[in-house]
PDB file of all heavy atoms in Angstrom:
ATOM      1  N   SER A   1      -2.515 129.437  58.297  1.00  0.00           N
ATOM      2  CA  SER A   1      -1.714 130.642  58.121  1.00  0.00           C
ATOM      3  C   SER A   1      -0.312 130.244  57.713  1.00  0.00           C
ATOM      4  O   SER A   1       0.054 129.065  57.780  1.00  0.00           O
ATOM      5  CB  SER A   1      -1.690 131.472  59.405  1.00  0.00           C
ATOM      6  OG  SER A   1      -1.080 130.747  60.451  1.00  0.00           O
ATOM      7  N   GLY A   2       0.471 131.238  57.289  1.00  0.00           N
ATOM      8  CA  GLY A   2       1.868 130.982  56.969  1.00  0.00           C
ATOM      9  C   GLY A   2       2.199 130.945  55.499  1.00  0.00           C
ATOM     10  O   GLY A   2       3.373 130.830  55.126  1.00  0.00           O
ATOM     11  N   GLY A   3       1.187 131.028  54.649  1.00  0.00           N
ATOM     12  CA  GLY A   3       1.455 131.039  53.223  1.00  0.00           C
ATOM     13  C   GLY A   3       2.104 132.340  52.789  1.00  0.00           C
ATOM     14  O   GLY A   3       2.222 133.291  53.561  1.00  0.00           O
ATOM     15  N   GLY A   4       2.520 132.363  51.521  1.00  0.00           N
ATOM     16  CA  GLY A   4       3.129 133.570  51.003  1.00  0.00           C
ATOM     17  C   GLY A   4       3.802 133.333  49.676  1.00  0.00           C
ATOM     18  O   GLY A   4       3.655 132.265  49.073  1.00  0.00           O
ATOM     19  N   LEU A   5       4.541 134.348  49.250  1.00  0.00           N
ATOM     20  CA  LEU A   5       5.296 134.282  47.999  1.00  0.00           C
ATOM     21  C   LEU A   5       6.772 134.112  48.318  1.00  0.00           C
ATOM     22  O   LEU A   5       7.343 134.933  49.052  1.00  0.00           O
ATOM     23  CB  LEU A   5       5.068 135.573  47.204  1.00  0.00           C
ATOM     24  CG  LEU A   5       5.934 135.775  45.960  1.00  0.00           C
ATOM     25  CD1 LEU A   5       5.646 134.688  44.922  1.00  0.00           C
ATOM     26  CD2 LEU A   5       5.698 137.152  45.364  1.00  0.00           C
ATOM     27  N   VAL A   6       7.361 133.037  47.790  1.00  0.00           N
ATOM     28  CA  VAL A   6       8.781 132.764  48.013  1.00  0.00           C
ATOM     29  C   VAL A   6       9.427 132.390  46.694  1.00  0.00           C
ATOM     30  O   VAL A   6       8.746 132.105  45.698  1.00  0.00           O
ATOM     31  CB  VAL A   6       9.002 131.642  49.042  1.00  0.00           C
ATOM     32  CG1 VAL A   6       8.466 132.036  50.401  1.00  0.00           C
ATOM     33  CG2 VAL A   6       8.373 130.338  48.564  1.00  0.00           C
ATOM     34  N   GLN A   7      10.748 132.339  46.707  1.00  0.00           N
ATOM     35  CA  GLN A   7      11.490 131.921  45.519  1.00  0.00           C
ATOM     36  C   GLN A   7      11.829 130.437  45.612  1.00  0.00           C
ATOM     37  O   GLN A   7      11.807 129.850  46.713  1.00  0.00           O
ATOM     38  CB  GLN A   7      12.761 132.741  45.386  1.00  0.00           C
ATOM     39  CG  GLN A   7      12.494 134.218  45.109  1.00  0.00           C
ATOM     40  CD  GLN A   7      13.772 135.011  44.873  1.00  0.00           C
ATOM     41  OE1 GLN A   7      14.850 134.641  45.338  1.00  0.00           O
ATOM     42  NE2 GLN A   7      13.658 136.099  44.137  1.00  0.00           N
ATOM     43  N   THR A   8      12.139 129.855  44.480  1.00  0.00           N
ATOM     44  CA  THR A   8      12.559 128.445  44.437  1.00  0.00           C
ATOM     45  C   THR A   8      13.695 128.206  45.419  1.00  0.00           C
ATOM     46  O   THR A   8      14.649 128.993  45.483  1.00  0.00           O
ATOM     47  CB  THR A   8      12.993 128.071  43.021  1.00  0.00           C
ATOM     48  OG1 THR A   8      11.872 128.185  42.137  1.00  0.00           O
ATOM     49  CG2 THR A   8      13.511 126.644  42.974  1.00  0.00           C
ATOM     50  N   GLY A   9      13.561 127.125  46.186  1.00  0.00           N
ATOM     51  CA  GLY A   9      14.587 126.752  47.147  1.00  0.00           C
ATOM     52  C   GLY A   9      14.373 127.297  48.547  1.00  0.00           C
ATOM     53  O   GLY A   9      15.037 126.847  49.487  1.00  0.00           O
ATOM     54  N   GLU A  10      13.463 128.219  48.692  1.00  0.00           N
ATOM     55  CA  GLU A  10      13.201 128.789  50.013  1.00  0.00           C
ATOM     56  C   GLU A  10      12.227 127.916  50.806  1.00  0.00           C
ATOM     57  O   GLU A  10      11.756 126.885  50.318  1.00  0.00           O
ATOM     58  CB  GLU A  10      12.688 130.217  49.864  1.00  0.00           C
ATOM     59  CG  GLU A  10      13.734 131.156  49.299  1.00  0.00           C
ATOM     60  CD  GLU A  10      13.289 132.617  49.271  1.00  0.00           C
ATOM     61  OE1 GLU A  10      12.070 132.863  49.253  1.00  0.00           O
ATOM     62  OE2 GLU A  10      14.174 133.491  49.266  1.00  0.00           O
ATOM     63  N   SER A  11      11.946 128.351  52.028  1.00  0.00           N
ATOM     64  CA  SER A  11      11.130 127.550  52.944  1.00  0.00           C
ATOM     65  C   SER A  11       9.952 128.354  53.476  1.00  0.00           C
ATOM     66  O   SER A  11       9.997 129.588  53.512  1.00  0.00           O
ATOM     67  CB  SER A  11      11.984 127.085  54.124  1.00  0.00           C
ATOM     68  OG  SER A  11      13.058 126.269  53.694  1.00  0.00           O
ATOM     69  N   LEU A  12       8.923 127.639  53.895  1.00  0.00           N
ATOM     70  CA  LEU A  12       7.776 128.204  54.598  1.00  0.00           C
ATOM     71  C   LEU A  12       7.312 127.211  55.647  1.00  0.00           C
ATOM     72  O   LEU A  12       7.530 126.001  55.503  1.00  0.00           O
ATOM     73  CB  LEU A  12       6.614 128.474  53.636  1.00  0.00           C
ATOM     74  CG  LEU A  12       6.665 129.689  52.706  1.00  0.00           C
ATOM     75  CD1 LEU A  12       5.491 129.647  51.736  1.00  0.00           C
ATOM     76  CD2 LEU A  12       6.657 130.981  53.497  1.00  0.00           C
ATOM     77  N   ARG A  13       6.656 127.728  56.668  1.00  0.00           N
ATOM     78  CA  ARG A  13       5.991 126.856  57.632  1.00  0.00           C
ATOM     79  C   ARG A  13       4.529 127.261  57.718  1.00  0.00           C
ATOM     80  O   ARG A  13       4.213 128.393  58.090  1.00  0.00           O
ATOM     81  CB  ARG A  13       6.637 126.923  59.016  1.00  0.00           C
ATOM     82  CG  ARG A  13       6.062 125.849  59.952  1.00  0.00           C
ATOM     83  CD  ARG A  13       6.673 125.875  61.328  1.00  0.00           C
ATOM     84  NE  ARG A  13       6.106 126.926  62.161  1.00  0.00           N
ATOM     85  CZ  ARG A  13       6.134 126.932  63.483  1.00  0.00           C
ATOM     86  NH1 ARG A  13       6.704 125.932  64.132  1.00  0.00           N
ATOM     87  NH2 ARG A  13       5.631 127.940  64.169  1.00  0.00           N
ATOM     88  N   LEU A  14       3.665 126.342  57.391  1.00  0.00           N
ATOM     89  CA  LEU A  14       2.235 126.554  57.521  1.00  0.00           C
ATOM     90  C   LEU A  14       1.758 126.080  58.885  1.00  0.00           C
ATOM     91  O   LEU A  14       2.297 125.122  59.435  1.00  0.00           O
ATOM     92  CB  LEU A  14       1.473 125.792  56.427  1.00  0.00           C
ATOM     93  CG  LEU A  14       1.889 126.053  54.986  1.00  0.00           C
ATOM     94  CD1 LEU A  14       0.970 125.260  54.045  1.00  0.00           C
ATOM     95  CD2 LEU A  14       1.872 127.523  54.658  1.00  0.00           C
ATOM     96  N   SER A  15       0.737 126.752  59.390  1.00  0.00           N
ATOM     97  CA  SER A  15       0.104 126.361  60.645  1.00  0.00           C
ATOM     98  C   SER A  15      -1.391 126.198  60.426  1.00  0.00           C
ATOM     99  O   SER A  15      -1.988 126.888  59.592  1.00  0.00           O
ATOM    100  CB  SER A  15       0.340 127.414  61.724  1.00  0.00           C
ATOM    101  OG  SER A  15       1.716 127.586  61.988  1.00  0.00           O
ATOM    102  N   CYS A  16      -1.977 125.308  61.193  1.00  0.00           N
ATOM    103  CA  CYS A  16      -3.429 125.107  61.184  1.00  0.00           C
ATOM    104  C   CYS A  16      -3.872 125.006  62.633  1.00  0.00           C
ATOM    105  O   CYS A  16      -3.510 124.044  63.321  1.00  0.00           O
ATOM    106  CB  CYS A  16      -3.795 123.851  60.416  1.00  0.00           C
ATOM    107  SG  CYS A  16      -5.529 123.366  60.547  1.00  0.00           S
ATOM    108  N   VAL A  17      -4.613 126.000  63.080  1.00  0.00           N
ATOM    109  CA  VAL A  17      -5.099 126.023  64.452  1.00  0.00           C
ATOM    110  C   VAL A  17      -6.550 125.581  64.466  1.00  0.00           C
ATOM    111  O   VAL A  17      -7.387 126.118  63.733  1.00  0.00           O
ATOM    112  CB  VAL A  17      -4.972 127.424  65.063  1.00  0.00           C
ATOM    113  CG1 VAL A  17      -5.503 127.423  66.491  1.00  0.00           C
ATOM    114  CG2 VAL A  17      -3.525 127.896  65.031  1.00  0.00           C
ATOM    115  N   ALA A  18      -6.847 124.610  65.313  1.00  0.00           N
ATOM    116  CA  ALA A  18      -8.194 124.061  65.398  1.00  0.00           C
ATOM    117  C   ALA A  18      -8.878 124.497  66.680  1.00  0.00           C
ATOM    118  O   ALA A  18      -8.239 124.631  67.728  1.00  0.00           O
ATOM    119  CB  ALA A  18      -8.130 122.534  65.345  1.00  0.00           C
ATOM    120  N   SER A  19     -10.175 124.712  66.588  1.00  0.00           N
ATOM    121  CA  SER A  19     -10.988 124.995  67.769  1.00  0.00           C
ATOM    122  C   SER A  19     -12.321 124.277  67.624  1.00  0.00           C
ATOM    123  O   SER A  19     -12.789 124.026  66.506  1.00  0.00           O
ATOM    124  CB  SER A  19     -11.208 126.502  67.951  1.00  0.00           C
ATOM    125  OG  SER A  19     -11.843 127.059  66.826  1.00  0.00           O
ATOM    126  N   GLY A  20     -12.894 123.915  68.770  1.00  0.00           N
ATOM    127  CA  GLY A  20     -14.196 123.264  68.741  1.00  0.00           C
ATOM    128  C   GLY A  20     -14.159 121.759  68.608  1.00  0.00           C
ATOM    129  O   GLY A  20     -15.208 121.121  68.501  1.00  0.00           O
ATOM    130  N   ILE A  21     -12.970 121.186  68.591  1.00  0.00           N
ATOM    131  CA  ILE A  21     -12.820 119.733  68.530  1.00  0.00           C
ATOM    132  C   ILE A  21     -11.799 119.300  69.581  1.00  0.00           C
ATOM    133  O   ILE A  21     -11.017 120.123  70.065  1.00  0.00           O
ATOM    134  CB  ILE A  21     -12.343 119.234  67.151  1.00  0.00           C
ATOM    135  CG1 ILE A  21     -10.982 119.848  66.765  1.00  0.00           C
ATOM    136  CG2 ILE A  21     -13.401 119.498  66.099  1.00  0.00           C
ATOM    137  CD1 ILE A  21     -10.378 119.257  65.499  1.00  0.00           C
ATOM    138  N   VAL A  22     -11.843 118.013  69.934  1.00  0.00           N
ATOM    139  CA  VAL A  22     -10.798 117.448  70.774  1.00  0.00           C
ATOM    140  C   VAL A  22      -9.647 117.098  69.827  1.00  0.00           C
ATOM    141  O   VAL A  22      -9.612 116.014  69.242  1.00  0.00           O
ATOM    142  CB  VAL A  22     -11.300 116.220  71.539  1.00  0.00           C
ATOM    143  CG1 VAL A  22     -10.181 115.667  72.429  1.00  0.00           C
ATOM    144  CG2 VAL A  22     -12.520 116.575  72.385  1.00  0.00           C
ATOM    145  N   PHE A  23      -8.753 118.053  69.669  1.00  0.00           N
ATOM    146  CA  PHE A  23      -7.743 117.998  68.610  1.00  0.00           C
ATOM    147  C   PHE A  23      -6.968 116.683  68.634  1.00  0.00           C
ATOM    148  O   PHE A  23      -6.718 116.086  67.594  1.00  0.00           O
ATOM    149  CB  PHE A  23      -6.793 119.182  68.778  1.00  0.00           C
ATOM    150  CG  PHE A  23      -5.728 119.287  67.719  1.00  0.00           C
ATOM    151  CD1 PHE A  23      -6.020 119.802  66.465  1.00  0.00           C
ATOM    152  CD2 PHE A  23      -4.427 118.879  67.991  1.00  0.00           C
ATOM    153  CE1 PHE A  23      -5.052 119.907  65.498  1.00  0.00           C
ATOM    154  CE2 PHE A  23      -3.442 118.969  67.031  1.00  0.00           C
ATOM    155  CZ  PHE A  23      -3.748 119.496  65.776  1.00  0.00           C
ATOM    156  N   SER A  24      -6.611 116.214  69.805  1.00  0.00           N
ATOM    157  CA  SER A  24      -5.759 115.028  69.910  1.00  0.00           C
ATOM    158  C   SER A  24      -6.451 113.770  69.385  1.00  0.00           C
ATOM    159  O   SER A  24      -5.775 112.784  69.073  1.00  0.00           O
ATOM    160  CB  SER A  24      -5.306 114.816  71.355  1.00  0.00           C
ATOM    161  OG  SER A  24      -6.421 114.661  72.200  1.00  0.00           O
ATOM    162  N   ASP A  25      -7.760 113.789  69.259  1.00  0.00           N
ATOM    163  CA  ASP A  25      -8.496 112.619  68.779  1.00  0.00           C
ATOM    164  C   ASP A  25      -8.584 112.548  67.250  1.00  0.00           C
ATOM    165  O   ASP A  25      -9.021 111.534  66.715  1.00  0.00           O
ATOM    166  CB  ASP A  25      -9.924 112.617  69.337  1.00  0.00           C
ATOM    167  CG  ASP A  25      -9.984 112.276  70.806  1.00  0.00           C
ATOM    168  OD1 ASP A  25      -8.976 111.780  71.343  1.00  0.00           O
ATOM    169  OD2 ASP A  25     -11.044 112.519  71.413  1.00  0.00           O
ATOM    170  N   TYR A  26      -8.200 113.620  66.597  1.00  0.00           N
ATOM    171  CA  TYR A  26      -8.418 113.737  65.155  1.00  0.00           C
ATOM    172  C   TYR A  26      -7.162 113.435  64.344  1.00  0.00           C
ATOM    173  O   TYR A  26      -6.051 113.821  64.724  1.00  0.00           O
ATOM    174  CB  TYR A  26      -8.915 115.142  64.803  1.00  0.00           C
ATOM    175  CG  TYR A  26     -10.392 115.304  65.020  1.00  0.00           C
ATOM    176  CD1 TYR A  26     -10.916 115.374  66.297  1.00  0.00           C
ATOM    177  CD2 TYR A  26     -11.257 115.364  63.936  1.00  0.00           C
ATOM    178  CE1 TYR A  26     -12.279 115.495  66.498  1.00  0.00           C
ATOM    179  CE2 TYR A  26     -12.622 115.490  64.119  1.00  0.00           C
ATOM    180  CZ  TYR A  26     -13.124 115.566  65.402  1.00  0.00           C
ATOM    181  OH  TYR A  26     -14.475 115.687  65.586  1.00  0.00           O
ATOM    182  N   ASN A  27      -7.382 112.751  63.231  1.00  0.00           N
ATOM    183  CA  ASN A  27      -6.353 112.665  62.210  1.00  0.00           C
ATOM    184  C   ASN A  27      -6.284 114.016  61.511  1.00  0.00           C
ATOM    185  O   ASN A  27      -7.322 114.618  61.204  1.00  0.00           O
ATOM    186  CB  ASN A  27      -6.694 111.583  61.190  1.00  0.00           C
ATOM    187  CG  ASN A  27      -6.890 110.234  61.833  1.00  0.00           C
ATOM    188  OD1 ASN A  27      -6.063 109.773  62.616  1.00  0.00           O
ATOM    189  ND2 ASN A  27      -8.012 109.597  61.539  1.00  0.00           N
ATOM    190  N   MET A  28      -5.084 114.481  61.248  1.00  0.00           N
ATOM    191  CA  MET A  28      -4.914 115.788  60.626  1.00  0.00           C
ATOM    192  C   MET A  28      -4.182 115.635  59.302  1.00  0.00           C
ATOM    193  O   MET A  28      -3.255 114.816  59.190  1.00  0.00           O
ATOM    194  CB  MET A  28      -4.132 116.721  61.540  1.00  0.00           C
ATOM    195  CG  MET A  28      -4.827 117.017  62.868  1.00  0.00           C
ATOM    196  SD  MET A  28      -6.417 117.837  62.671  1.00  0.00           S
ATOM    197  CE  MET A  28      -5.913 119.389  61.905  1.00  0.00           C
ATOM    198  N   ARG A  29      -4.586 116.434  58.323  1.00  0.00           N
ATOM    199  CA  ARG A  29      -4.030 116.291  56.974  1.00  0.00           C
ATOM    200  C   ARG A  29      -3.845 117.651  56.316  1.00  0.00           C
ATOM    201  O   ARG A  29      -4.621 118.576  56.579  1.00  0.00           O
ATOM    202  CB  ARG A  29      -4.973 115.435  56.115  1.00  0.00           C
ATOM    203  CG  ARG A  29      -5.390 114.128  56.757  1.00  0.00           C
ATOM    204  CD  ARG A  29      -6.309 113.313  55.873  1.00  0.00           C
ATOM    205  NE  ARG A  29      -7.018 112.300  56.621  1.00  0.00           N
ATOM    206  CZ  ARG A  29      -6.541 111.098  56.919  1.00  0.00           C
ATOM    207  NH1 ARG A  29      -5.326 110.762  56.507  1.00  0.00           N
ATOM    208  NH2 ARG A  29      -7.255 110.237  57.605  1.00  0.00           N
TER     209      ARG A  29
END
């Protein structure tokens, strides 16, 4: 989540929420 339409020079923060895995054991990309 967190995508959208922005103008040049602006900022966004994307998030990725995981379920069903032991998150701390996984490499994330």
